[in-house]
Amino acid sequence: MIARVWRGITAADKADAYIGYLRETALADYAKAPGNRGVTVFKRIQGEHAEIVLLSMWDSMDAVRAFAGGNPDRSVLYPEDENYLLEMEPLVRHYEVVESFAGTPIRHFG
């Protein structure tokens, strides 16, 4: 299994609106992508800025490539991202999952 990590920075007062936009775009695409095992969204407010992190889980790098295209290390960006993001990481990080604990299901908070 592969973990894919993406990070972006937005203004704190736009963070919730951006997460709503992500639900309509990126998260919807993750949900229908073959080989996707789910995604978790993290938000951290730091003064006037908010860090948004997407952690998605995939069956394999082949599944990631099918979602992200020929260069799976490049971020998948959406048309309105530039209206929200102050910083867009052009590259994502991939990790091989070597161990996992499945406890209580995580629910939507916020």
C-alpha atoms as a PDB file:
ATOM      1  CA  MET A   1       0.000   0.000   0.000  1.00  0.00           C
ATOM      2  CA  ILE A   2       1.127   3.550  -0.799  1.00  0.00           C
ATOM      3  CA  ALA A   3       0.501   6.723   1.202  1.00  0.00           C
ATOM      4  CA  ARG A   4       0.449   9.934  -0.847  1.00  0.00           C
ATOM      5  CA  VAL A   5       0.922  13.232   1.010  1.00  0.00           C
ATOM      6  CA  TRP A   6       0.111  16.672  -0.413  1.00  0.00           C
ATOM      7  CA  ARG A   7       0.342  20.019   1.397  1.00  0.00           C
ATOM      8  CA  GLY A   8      -0.893  23.531   0.673  1.00  0.00           C
ATOM      9  CA  ILE A   9      -1.105  26.829   2.548  1.00  0.00           C
ATOM     10  CA  THR A  10      -4.138  29.115   2.470  1.00  0.00           C
ATOM     11  CA  ALA A  11      -5.310  32.145   4.413  1.00  0.00           C
ATOM     12  CA  ALA A  12      -6.854  31.007   7.701  1.00  0.00           C
ATOM     13  CA  ASP A  13     -10.150  32.705   6.868  1.00  0.00           C
ATOM     14  CA  LYS A  14     -10.351  30.758   3.571  1.00  0.00           C
ATOM     15  CA  ALA A  15      -9.425  27.330   4.993  1.00  0.00           C
ATOM     16  CA  ASP A  16     -12.956  26.000   5.495  1.00  0.00           C
ATOM     17  CA  ALA A  17     -14.101  27.281   2.095  1.00  0.00           C
ATOM     18  CA  TYR A  18     -11.079  25.632   0.497  1.00  0.00           C
ATOM     19  CA  ILE A  19     -11.835  22.342   2.216  1.00  0.00           C
ATOM     20  CA  GLY A  20     -15.388  22.619   0.846  1.00  0.00           C
ATOM     21  CA  TYR A  21     -13.914  23.129  -2.616  1.00  0.00           C
ATOM     22  CA  LEU A  22     -11.680  20.083  -2.098  1.00  0.00           C
ATOM     23  CA  ARG A  23     -14.782  17.997  -1.282  1.00  0.00           C
ATOM     24  CA  GLU A  24     -16.242  18.940  -4.670  1.00  0.00           C
ATOM     25  CA  THR A  25     -13.036  18.333  -6.636  1.00  0.00           C
ATOM     26  CA  ALA A  26     -10.079  16.375  -5.275  1.00  0.00           C
ATOM     27  CA  LEU A  27     -11.942  14.320  -2.674  1.00  0.00           C
ATOM     28  CA  ALA A  28     -14.655  13.435  -5.191  1.00  0.00           C
ATOM     29  CA  ASP A  29     -11.952  12.336  -7.652  1.00  0.00           C
ATOM     30  CA  TYR A  30     -10.201  10.262  -4.978  1.00  0.00           C
ATOM     31  CA  ALA A  31     -13.497   8.547  -4.115  1.00  0.00           C
ATOM     32  CA  LYS A  32     -14.016   7.313  -7.664  1.00  0.00           C
ATOM     33  CA  ALA A  33     -10.373   6.481  -8.465  1.00  0.00           C
ATOM     34  CA  PRO A  34      -9.695   2.749  -8.764  1.00  0.00           C
ATOM     35  CA  GLY A  35      -7.214   1.616  -6.151  1.00  0.00           C
ATOM     36  CA  ASN A  36      -7.877   4.509  -3.765  1.00  0.00           C
ATOM     37  CA  ARG A  37      -8.389   3.331  -0.191  1.00  0.00           C
ATOM     38  CA  GLY A  38      -9.449   6.693   1.231  1.00  0.00           C
ATOM     39  CA  VAL A  39      -8.190  10.138   2.090  1.00  0.00           C
ATOM     40  CA  THR A  40      -7.832  12.080   5.326  1.00  0.00           C
ATOM     41  CA  VAL A  41      -7.777  15.875   5.390  1.00  0.00           C
ATOM     42  CA  PHE A  42      -5.776  17.716   8.045  1.00  0.00           C
ATOM     43  CA  LYS A  43      -6.053  21.432   8.855  1.00  0.00           C
ATOM     44  CA  ARG A  44      -3.686  23.410  11.072  1.00  0.00           C
ATOM     45  CA  ILE A  45      -4.266  27.106  11.736  1.00  0.00           C
ATOM     46  CA  GLN A  46      -1.061  29.075  12.293  1.00  0.00           C
ATOM     47  CA  GLY A  47      -1.957  32.717  12.871  1.00  0.00           C
ATOM     48  CA  GLU A  48      -3.193  34.148   9.578  1.00  0.00           C
ATOM     49  CA  HIS A  49      -2.381  30.993   7.608  1.00  0.00           C
ATOM     50  CA  ALA A  50      -3.750  27.470   7.474  1.00  0.00           C
ATOM     51  CA  GLU A  51      -1.852  24.385   6.432  1.00  0.00           C
ATOM     52  CA  ILE A  52      -3.987  21.819   4.607  1.00  0.00           C
ATOM     53  CA  VAL A  53      -2.629  18.280   4.221  1.00  0.00           C
ATOM     54  CA  LEU A  54      -4.211  15.461   2.235  1.00  0.00           C
ATOM     55  CA  LEU A  55      -3.120  11.938   3.125  1.00  0.00           C
ATOM     56  CA  SER A  56      -4.481   9.442   0.619  1.00  0.00           C
ATOM     57  CA  MET A  57      -3.978   5.697   0.623  1.00  0.00           C
ATOM     58  CA  TRP A  58      -3.553   3.650  -2.557  1.00  0.00           C
ATOM     59  CA  ASP A  59      -3.293  -0.026  -3.474  1.00  0.00           C
ATOM     60  CA  SER A  60      -0.117   0.552  -5.504  1.00  0.00           C
ATOM     61  CA  MET A  61       1.973   3.086  -7.403  1.00  0.00           C
ATOM     62  CA  ASP A  62       0.164   1.906 -10.543  1.00  0.00           C
ATOM     63  CA  ALA A  63      -3.105   3.101  -8.970  1.00  0.00           C
ATOM     64  CA  VAL A  64      -1.448   6.429  -8.096  1.00  0.00           C
ATOM     65  CA  ARG A  65      -0.220   6.798 -11.693  1.00  0.00           C
ATOM     66  CA  ALA A  66      -3.714   6.086 -13.021  1.00  0.00           C
ATOM     67  CA  PHE A  67      -4.996   8.936 -10.840  1.00  0.00           C
ATOM     68  CA  ALA A  68      -2.122  11.421 -11.099  1.00  0.00           C
ATOM     69  CA  GLY A  69      -0.843  10.798 -14.606  1.00  0.00           C
ATOM     70  CA  GLY A  70       2.551   9.951 -16.045  1.00  0.00           C
ATOM     71  CA  ASN A  71       4.511  11.794 -13.357  1.00  0.00           C
ATOM     72  CA  PRO A  72       2.869  10.703 -10.099  1.00  0.00           C
ATOM     73  CA  ASP A  73       5.190  12.909  -8.038  1.00  0.00           C
ATOM     74  CA  ARG A  74       3.550  16.059  -9.430  1.00  0.00           C
ATOM     75  CA  SER A  75       0.645  17.575  -7.523  1.00  0.00           C
ATOM     76  CA  VAL A  76      -2.813  17.216  -9.031  1.00  0.00           C
ATOM     77  CA  LEU A  77      -4.194  20.751  -9.022  1.00  0.00           C
ATOM     78  CA  TYR A  78      -7.670  22.077  -9.785  1.00  0.00           C
ATOM     79  CA  PRO A  79      -8.775  25.286 -11.558  1.00  0.00           C
ATOM     80  CA  GLU A  80      -9.755  27.268  -8.450  1.00  0.00           C
ATOM     81  CA  ASP A  81      -6.787  26.203  -6.294  1.00  0.00           C
ATOM     82  CA  GLU A  82      -4.969  29.406  -7.152  1.00  0.00           C
ATOM     83  CA  ASN A  83      -7.884  31.424  -5.675  1.00  0.00           C
ATOM     84  CA  TYR A  84      -7.351  29.760  -2.291  1.00  0.00           C
ATOM     85  CA  LEU A  85      -3.733  28.728  -2.004  1.00  0.00           C
ATOM     86  CA  LEU A  86      -0.876  31.022  -1.039  1.00  0.00           C
ATOM     87  CA  GLU A  87       1.615  28.178  -1.502  1.00  0.00           C
ATOM     88  CA  MET A  88       1.154  25.107  -3.669  1.00  0.00           C
ATOM     89  CA  GLU A  89       3.654  22.336  -3.341  1.00  0.00           C
ATOM     90  CA  PRO A  90       4.426  21.227  -6.887  1.00  0.00           C
ATOM     91  CA  LEU A  91       5.437  17.756  -5.715  1.00  0.00           C
ATOM     92  CA  VAL A  92       3.829  15.215  -3.413  1.00  0.00           C
ATOM     93  CA  ARG A  93       5.521  12.590  -1.279  1.00  0.00           C
ATOM     94  CA  HIS A  94       4.861   8.859  -1.510  1.00  0.00           C
ATOM     95  CA  TYR A  95       5.545   6.357   1.237  1.00  0.00           C
ATOM     96  CA  GLU A  96       5.310   2.598   1.297  1.00  0.00           C
ATOM     97  CA  VAL A  97       3.001   1.652   4.157  1.00  0.00           C
ATOM     98  CA  VAL A  98       4.809  -0.981   6.197  1.00  0.00           C
ATOM     99  CA  GLU A  99       2.445  -1.160   9.149  1.00  0.00           C
ATOM    100  CA  SER A 100      -1.029   0.124   9.965  1.00  0.00           C
ATOM    101  CA  PHE A 101      -3.418   0.039  12.905  1.00  0.00           C
ATOM    102  CA  ALA A 102      -7.150   0.003  12.225  1.00  0.00           C
ATOM    103  CA  GLY A 103      -8.910   1.274  15.321  1.00  0.00           C
ATOM    104  CA  THR A 104     -12.123   3.205  15.704  1.00  0.00           C
ATOM    105  CA  PRO A 105     -13.321   4.654  12.367  1.00  0.00           C
ATOM    106  CA  ILE A 106     -12.470   8.317  11.879  1.00  0.00           C
ATOM    107  CA  ARG A 107     -15.440  10.586  11.441  1.00  0.00           C
ATOM    108  CA  HIS A 108     -15.846  14.034   9.901  1.00  0.00           C
ATOM    109  CA  PHE A 109     -15.106  16.752  12.441  1.00  0.00           C
ATOM    110  CA  GLY A 110     -15.716  20.430  12.127  1.00  0.00           C
END
